[in-house]
C-alpha atoms as a PDB file:
ATOM      1  CA  MET A   1     116.774 168.391  41.986  1.00  0.00           C
ATOM      2  CA  HIS A   2     113.283 167.456  42.883  1.00  0.00           C
ATOM      3  CA  THR A   3     112.455 167.726  46.638  1.00  0.00           C
ATOM      4  CA  GLU A   4     109.162 166.638  47.945  1.00  0.00           C
ATOM      5  CA  PRO A   5     107.431 168.496  50.638  1.00  0.00           C
ATOM      6  CA  LYS A   6     107.366 166.921  53.986  1.00  0.00           C
ATOM      7  CA  PRO A   7     103.834 165.596  54.749  1.00  0.00           C
ATOM      8  CA  SER A   8     102.321 167.372  57.641  1.00  0.00           C
ATOM      9  CA  ASN A   9      99.158 166.474  59.439  1.00  0.00           C
ATOM     10  CA  PRO A  10      98.257 168.813  62.230  1.00  0.00           C
ATOM     11  CA  ASP A  11      95.831 166.219  63.731  1.00  0.00           C
ATOM     12  CA  VAL A  12      98.686 163.761  64.575  1.00  0.00           C
ATOM     13  CA  GLN A  13     100.522 164.459  67.768  1.00  0.00           C
ATOM     14  CA  TYR A  14     103.320 162.677  69.551  1.00  0.00           C
ATOM     15  CA  GLU A  15     105.435 162.988  72.626  1.00  0.00           C
ATOM     16  CA  LYS A  16     108.404 165.108  71.866  1.00  0.00           C
ATOM     17  CA  THR A  17     110.395 164.112  74.978  1.00  0.00           C
ATOM     18  CA  ASP A  18     111.541 160.849  76.446  1.00  0.00           C
ATOM     19  CA  ALA A  19     109.588 159.280  79.541  1.00  0.00           C
ATOM     20  CA  HIS A  20     111.185 160.309  83.000  1.00  0.00           C
ATOM     21  CA  SER A  21     112.950 157.282  84.598  1.00  0.00           C
ATOM     22  CA  ARG A  22     112.718 158.592  87.996  1.00  0.00           C
ATOM     23  CA  PRO A  23     108.884 157.547  88.610  1.00  0.00           C
ATOM     24  CA  LEU A  24     109.744 154.138  87.189  1.00  0.00           C
ATOM     25  CA  TYR A  25     112.683 153.616  89.647  1.00  0.00           C
ATOM     26  CA  GLN A  26     110.544 154.888  92.581  1.00  0.00           C
ATOM     27  CA  PHE A  27     107.814 152.334  91.673  1.00  0.00           C
ATOM     28  CA  LEU A  28     110.314 149.550  91.507  1.00  0.00           C
ATOM     29  CA  PHE A  29     111.809 150.556  94.939  1.00  0.00           C
ATOM     30  CA  TRP A  30     108.490 150.614  96.539  1.00  0.00           C
ATOM     31  CA  ILE A  31     107.270 147.281  95.125  1.00  0.00           C
ATOM     32  CA  SER A  32     110.500 145.722  96.180  1.00  0.00           C
ATOM     33  CA  ALA A  33     110.216 147.088  99.834  1.00  0.00           C
ATOM     34  CA  ILE A  34     106.567 146.178 100.019  1.00  0.00           C
ATOM     35  CA  THR A  35     107.356 142.536  98.745  1.00  0.00           C
ATOM     36  CA  LEU A  36     110.232 142.382 101.262  1.00  0.00           C
ATOM     37  CA  LEU A  37     108.202 143.494 104.315  1.00  0.00           C
ATOM     38  CA  THR A  38     105.384 141.044 103.308  1.00  0.00           C
ATOM     39  CA  ALA A  39     107.770 138.182 103.176  1.00  0.00           C
ATOM     40  CA  LEU A  40     109.293 139.119 106.631  1.00  0.00           C
ATOM     41  CA  LEU A  41     105.776 139.538 108.111  1.00  0.00           C
ATOM     42  CA  SER A  42     104.740 136.055 106.703  1.00  0.00           C
ATOM     43  CA  LEU A  43     107.778 134.443 108.020  1.00  0.00           C
ATOM     44  CA  GLY A  44     107.170 135.986 111.398  1.00  0.00           C
ATOM     45  CA  ILE A  45     103.497 134.753 111.378  1.00  0.00           C
ATOM     46  CA  LEU A  46     104.700 131.197 110.334  1.00  0.00           C
ATOM     47  CA  ARG A  47     107.122 131.124 113.202  1.00  0.00           C
ATOM     48  CA  ALA A  48     104.378 132.251 115.674  1.00  0.00           C
ATOM     49  CA  LEU A  49     101.886 129.507 114.469  1.00  0.00           C
ATOM     50  CA  GLU A  50     104.361 126.853 114.665  1.00  0.00           C
ATOM     51  CA  SER A  51     105.434 127.641 118.252  1.00  0.00           C
ATOM     52  CA  TRP A  52     101.743 127.968 119.024  1.00  0.00           C
ATOM     53  CA  ARG A  53     101.142 124.413 117.522  1.00  0.00           C
ATOM     54  CA  ASP A  54     103.985 122.986 119.395  1.00  0.00           C
ATOM     55  CA  GLU A  55     103.054 124.265 122.697  1.00  0.00           C
ATOM     56  CA  SER A  56      99.424 123.193 122.210  1.00  0.00           C
ATOM     57  CA  SER A  57     100.308 119.735 121.038  1.00  0.00           C
ATOM     58  CA  THR A  58     102.113 118.560 124.143  1.00  0.00           C
ATOM     59  CA  ARG A  59     100.199 115.797 126.104  1.00  0.00           C
ATOM     60  CA  ALA A  60      99.243 116.424 129.633  1.00  0.00           C
ATOM     61  CA  ILE A  61     101.455 114.552 132.138  1.00  0.00           C
ATOM     62  CA  MET A  62      98.508 112.545 133.590  1.00  0.00           C
ATOM     63  CA  ALA A  63      97.520 111.319 130.034  1.00  0.00           C
ATOM     64  CA  GLU A  64      98.372 107.630 129.302  1.00  0.00           C
ATOM     65  CA  PRO A  65      99.367 107.002 125.723  1.00  0.00           C
ATOM     66  CA  GLN A  66      96.859 104.859 123.936  1.00  0.00           C
ATOM     67  CA  GLU A  67      97.804 101.512 122.697  1.00  0.00           C
ATOM     68  CA  GLN A  68      97.743 100.995 118.828  1.00  0.00           C
ATOM     69  CA  GLN A  69      94.481  99.297 117.783  1.00  0.00           C
ATOM     70  CA  TRP A  70      94.687  97.319 114.447  1.00  0.00           C
ATOM     71  CA  PRO A  71      91.647  96.946 112.196  1.00  0.00           C
ATOM     72  CA  PRO A  72      90.245  93.244 111.863  1.00  0.00           C
ATOM     73  CA  ALA A  73      92.126  91.206 109.389  1.00  0.00           C
ATOM     74  CA  PRO A  74      92.718  91.305 106.373  1.00  0.00           C
ATOM     75  CA  ARG A  75      94.766  94.300 106.562  1.00  0.00           C
ATOM     76  CA  LEU A  76      96.442  96.158 103.815  1.00  0.00           C
ATOM     77  CA  GLN A  77     100.310  95.557 103.360  1.00  0.00           C
ATOM     78  CA  THR A  78     102.040  98.690 104.296  1.00  0.00           C
ATOM     79  CA  ARG A  79     105.797  97.629 103.590  1.00  0.00           C
ATOM     80  CA  GLU A  80     105.357  95.442 100.384  1.00  0.00           C
ATOM     81  CA  PRO A  81     108.957  95.725  99.224  1.00  0.00           C
ATOM     82  CA  ALA A  82     110.427  94.823 102.639  1.00  0.00           C
ATOM     83  CA  ASP A  83     107.812  91.935 102.933  1.00  0.00           C
ATOM     84  CA  LEU A  84     108.577  90.662  99.519  1.00  0.00           C
ATOM     85  CA  ALA A  85     112.349  90.652 100.264  1.00  0.00           C
ATOM     86  CA  ALA A  86     111.794  88.764 103.526  1.00  0.00           C
ATOM     87  CA  PHE A  87     109.643  86.245 101.726  1.00  0.00           C
ATOM     88  CA  ARG A  88     112.048  85.703  98.873  1.00  0.00           C
ATOM     89  CA  LYS A  89     114.801  85.208 101.388  1.00  0.00           C
ATOM     90  CA  GLU A  90     112.801  82.701 103.358  1.00  0.00           C
ATOM     91  CA  GLU A  91     112.043  80.826 100.030  1.00  0.00           C
ATOM     92  CA  ALA A  92     115.613  80.833  98.963  1.00  0.00           C
ATOM     93  CA  GLU A  93     116.744  79.395 102.247  1.00  0.00           C
ATOM     94  CA  ILE A  94     114.167  76.654 101.933  1.00  0.00           C
ATOM     95  CA  LEU A  95     115.171  75.753  98.408  1.00  0.00           C
ATOM     96  CA  THR A  96     118.864  75.845  99.039  1.00  0.00           C
ATOM     97  CA  THR A  97     119.265  74.061 102.471  1.00  0.00           C
ATOM     98  CA  TYR A  98     118.661  70.700 104.196  1.00  0.00           C
ATOM     99  CA  GLY A  99     115.822  70.406 106.790  1.00  0.00           C
ATOM    100  CA  VAL A 100     113.077  68.335 108.476  1.00  0.00           C
ATOM    101  CA  VAL A 101     109.683  68.664 107.195  1.00  0.00           C
ATOM    102  CA  ASP A 102     107.997  66.018 109.287  1.00  0.00           C
ATOM    103  CA  ARG A 103     110.198  63.901 111.668  1.00  0.00           C
ATOM    104  CA  GLU A 104     107.553  61.446 112.633  1.00  0.00           C
ATOM    105  CA  LYS A 105     106.628  60.560 109.002  1.00  0.00           C
ATOM    106  CA  GLY A 106     110.380  60.739 107.960  1.00  0.00           C
ATOM    107  CA  ILE A 107     109.970  63.531 105.464  1.00  0.00           C
ATOM    108  CA  TYR A 108     113.093  65.775 104.947  1.00  0.00           C
ATOM    109  CA  ARG A 109     114.048  68.301 102.422  1.00  0.00           C
ATOM    110  CA  ILE A 110     117.214  68.663 100.325  1.00  0.00           C
ATOM    111  CA  PRO A 111     118.453  71.539  98.259  1.00  0.00           C
ATOM    112  CA  ILE A 112     116.709  71.755  94.937  1.00  0.00           C
ATOM    113  CA  GLU A 113     120.010  71.552  93.026  1.00  0.00           C
ATOM    114  CA  GLU A 114     120.768  68.195  94.663  1.00  0.00           C
ATOM    115  CA  ALA A 115     117.166  67.022  94.052  1.00  0.00           C
ATOM    116  CA  MET A 116     117.467  67.750  90.384  1.00  0.00           C
ATOM    117  CA  LYS A 117     120.726  65.812  90.111  1.00  0.00           C
ATOM    118  CA  LEU A 118     119.148  62.841  91.848  1.00  0.00           C
ATOM    119  CA  THR A 119     116.187  62.986  89.530  1.00  0.00           C
ATOM    120  CA  LEU A 120     118.481  62.870  86.572  1.00  0.00           C
ATOM    121  CA  GLU A 121     120.530  59.966  87.972  1.00  0.00           C
ATOM    122  CA  ARG A 122     117.381  57.768  89.112  1.00  0.00           C
ATOM    123  CA  GLY A 123     114.860  58.987  86.480  1.00  0.00           C
ATOM    124  CA  LEU A 124     111.178  59.691  87.127  1.00  0.00           C
ATOM    125  CA  PRO A 125     109.096  57.090  88.803  1.00  0.00           C
ATOM    126  CA  ALA A 126     106.934  55.095  86.137  1.00  0.00           C
ATOM    127  CA  THR A 127     103.390  55.517  86.530  1.00  0.00           C
ATOM    128  CA  GLY A 128     101.201  52.578  86.071  1.00  0.00           C
ATOM    129  CA  GLU A 129      97.588  52.566  84.782  1.00  0.00           C
ATOM    130  CA  ALA A 130      95.120  51.893  87.530  1.00  0.00           C
ATOM    131  CA  GLU A 131      92.141  49.480  86.828  1.00  0.00           C
ATOM    132  CA  GLY A 132      89.116  51.269  85.774  1.00  0.00           C
ATOM    133  CA  SER A 133      90.933  54.404  84.638  1.00  0.00           C
ATOM    134  CA  GLU A 134      89.812  56.080  81.445  1.00  0.00           C
ATOM    135  CA  PRO A 135      91.646  55.004  78.341  1.00  0.00           C
ATOM    136  CA  SER A 136      94.407  57.154  77.020  1.00  0.00           C
ATOM    137  CA  ALA A 137      94.592  59.018  73.623  1.00  0.00           C
ATOM    138  CA  LYS A 138      96.876  56.102  72.330  1.00  0.00           C
ATOM    139  CA  ASP A 139      94.274  53.441  73.206  1.00  0.00           C
ATOM    140  CA  LEU A 140      91.565  55.501  71.577  1.00  0.00           C
ATOM    141  CA  ALA A 141      93.679  55.873  68.424  1.00  0.00           C
ATOM    142  CA  LYS A 142      94.149  52.053  68.216  1.00  0.00           C
ATOM    143  CA  ALA A 143      90.524  51.422  68.689  1.00  0.00           C
ATOM    144  CA  LEU A 144      89.660  53.613  65.919  1.00  0.00           C
ATOM    145  CA  LYS A 145      92.146  52.090  63.459  1.00  0.00           C
ATOM    146  CA  LYS A 146      90.462  48.699  63.963  1.00  0.00           C
END
């Protein structure tokens, strides 16, 4: 049986024992303790600053509240969805109800569904050509054929 000698190199060295775990646990303990203390200190500072802000922001009893001043028109729309919903509701009401447009001239409005039914029953009014109007495309085609 042939056995090979173990290679040995006196220049190569290694640690022959495991690392000690106690310093690692001490490090973790102190890092955790410092982190907890820092968080508690930060929370205390935050509470102190909030109370200081609340105390200093109170208005003096003698001071009158200022009226809100609006910039000149046109202004930006700040509640667009609510404004659009109100506009659509108003338009839907106009399109679906009877109402008076101009009482003196006798102009009234009817629901759009009713207006469409009446238009189908009565038909659209015929348009007559006024004198001096430009010739239509049919008239031009007839003139070119001649």
